[in-house]
C-alpha atoms as a PDB file:
ATOM      1  CA  UNK A   1      12.781  -9.058  22.739  1.00  0.00           C
ATOM      2  CA  UNK A   2      14.356  -9.514  19.313  1.00  0.00           C
ATOM      3  CA  UNK A   3      13.098 -13.239  18.467  1.00  0.00           C
ATOM      4  CA  UNK A   4       9.469 -11.988  18.823  1.00  0.00           C
ATOM      5  CA  UNK A   5       9.746  -8.660  16.452  1.00  0.00           C
ATOM      6  CA  UNK A   6      11.750 -11.156  13.708  1.00  0.00           C
ATOM      7  CA  UNK A   7       8.534 -14.238  14.796  1.00  0.00           C
ATOM      8  CA  UNK A   8       6.098 -11.339  14.225  1.00  0.00           C
ATOM      9  CA  UNK A   9       7.191  -9.449  10.824  1.00  0.00           C
ATOM     10  CA  UNK A  10       7.828 -13.181   9.434  1.00  0.00           C
ATOM     11  CA  UNK A  11       4.055 -13.975  10.626  1.00  0.00           C
ATOM     12  CA  UNK A  12       2.545 -10.679   8.860  1.00  0.00           C
ATOM     13  CA  UNK A  13       5.142 -10.749   5.824  1.00  0.00           C
ATOM     14  CA  UNK A  14       5.046 -13.812   4.884  1.00  0.00           C
ATOM     15  CA  UNK A  15       2.022 -13.977   3.987  1.00  0.00           C
ATOM     16  CA  UNK A  16       2.199 -10.642   2.297  1.00  0.00           C
ATOM     17  CA  UNK A  17       3.935 -12.379  -0.733  1.00  0.00           C
ATOM     18  CA  UNK A  18       1.886 -15.157  -2.363  1.00  0.00           C
ATOM     19  CA  UNK A  19      -0.695 -12.536  -2.365  1.00  0.00           C
ATOM     20  CA  UNK A  20       1.489  -9.627  -4.397  1.00  0.00           C
ATOM     21  CA  UNK A  21       2.768 -12.217  -6.432  1.00  0.00           C
ATOM     22  CA  UNK A  22      -0.976 -12.979  -7.106  1.00  0.00           C
ATOM     23  CA  UNK A  23      -1.865  -9.121  -7.743  1.00  0.00           C
ATOM     24  CA  UNK A  24       1.320  -8.871 -10.383  1.00  0.00           C
ATOM     25  CA  UNK A  25       0.866 -11.603 -12.000  1.00  0.00           C
ATOM     26  CA  UNK A  26      -3.023 -11.577 -13.011  1.00  0.00           C
ATOM     27  CA  UNK A  27      -2.971  -8.415 -14.889  1.00  0.00           C
ATOM     28  CA  UNK A  28       0.415 -10.500 -17.080  1.00  0.00           C
ATOM     29  CA  UNK A  29      -1.702 -13.696 -17.794  1.00  0.00           C
ATOM     30  CA  UNK A  30      -3.899 -14.542 -20.701  1.00  0.00           C
ATOM     31  CA  UNK A  31      -8.224 -15.565 -18.710  1.00  0.00           C
ATOM     32  CA  UNK A  32     -10.281 -16.901 -21.001  1.00  0.00           C
ATOM     33  CA  UNK A  33     -12.869 -14.014 -20.322  1.00  0.00           C
ATOM     34  CA  UNK A  34     -11.982 -10.618 -19.279  1.00  0.00           C
ATOM     35  CA  UNK A  35     -14.936 -10.897 -16.405  1.00  0.00           C
ATOM     36  CA  UNK A  36     -13.077 -14.446 -14.757  1.00  0.00           C
ATOM     37  CA  UNK A  37      -9.400 -12.183 -15.068  1.00  0.00           C
ATOM     38  CA  UNK A  38     -11.569  -9.336 -12.601  1.00  0.00           C
ATOM     39  CA  UNK A  39     -13.136 -11.745 -10.317  1.00  0.00           C
ATOM     40  CA  UNK A  40      -9.865 -13.402  -9.361  1.00  0.00           C
ATOM     41  CA  UNK A  41      -7.765  -9.766  -9.059  1.00  0.00           C
ATOM     42  CA  UNK A  42     -12.015  -9.804  -6.876  1.00  0.00           C
ATOM     43  CA  UNK A  43     -10.653 -12.532  -5.225  1.00  0.00           C
ATOM     44  CA  UNK A  44      -7.539 -12.505  -4.286  1.00  0.00           C
ATOM     45  CA  UNK A  45      -7.690  -8.466  -3.482  1.00  0.00           C
ATOM     46  CA  UNK A  46     -10.703  -9.814  -1.167  1.00  0.00           C
ATOM     47  CA  UNK A  47      -9.407 -12.490   0.531  1.00  0.00           C
ATOM     48  CA  UNK A  48      -5.748 -11.596   0.461  1.00  0.00           C
ATOM     49  CA  UNK A  49      -3.469 -15.091   1.633  1.00  0.00           C
ATOM     50  CA  UNK A  50      -6.732 -17.887   0.732  1.00  0.00           C
ATOM     51  CA  UNK A  51      -7.166 -16.372  -2.035  1.00  0.00           C
ATOM     52  CA  UNK A  52      -3.617 -15.996  -4.081  1.00  0.00           C
ATOM     53  CA  UNK A  53      -3.211 -20.155  -2.646  1.00  0.00           C
ATOM     54  CA  UNK A  54      -6.190 -20.521  -4.450  1.00  0.00           C
ATOM     55  CA  UNK A  55      -5.228 -18.076  -7.507  1.00  0.00           C
ATOM     56  CA  UNK A  56      -1.983 -20.561  -8.114  1.00  0.00           C
ATOM     57  CA  UNK A  57      -3.306 -23.497  -7.176  1.00  0.00           C
ATOM     58  CA  UNK A  58      -6.073 -24.232  -9.721  1.00  0.00           C
ATOM     59  CA  UNK A  59      -6.523 -21.185 -12.144  1.00  0.00           C
ATOM     60  CA  UNK A  60      -3.060 -19.882 -12.311  1.00  0.00           C
ATOM     61  CA  UNK A  61      -3.019 -22.828 -14.500  1.00  0.00           C
ATOM     62  CA  UNK A  62      -5.977 -22.756 -16.294  1.00  0.00           C
ATOM     63  CA  UNK A  63      -4.019 -19.178 -18.585  1.00  0.00           C
ATOM     64  CA  UNK A  64      -0.781 -18.480 -20.457  1.00  0.00           C
ATOM     65  CA  UNK A  65       1.376 -15.521 -20.388  1.00  0.00           C
ATOM     66  CA  UNK A  66      -0.115 -12.660 -22.333  1.00  0.00           C
ATOM     67  CA  UNK A  67       3.232 -11.955 -24.817  1.00  0.00           C
ATOM     68  CA  UNK A  68       4.412  -8.458 -25.295  1.00  0.00           C
END
C-alpha cells in the first residue's frame, strides 16, 4: 500500500516540477516582445507539462535573464 502511494505521488508531482519552474522563469527572462512572454506564459499554464518542456527546450534559449 505504501509503495502505491509513493508511486502515485511521483506520477502526480514529478510533472509539476518543470511547470512551476517555467512559470517562475518566464517573468525573469527578457523576450523580444511582451506579447511573446504572455503567449509562453499562457502555453505553459494551459498545457502544464508539455508546454513547460517545449518552453525549456526551445523558447528559453532565445532569451536572456533580466538583470536587476
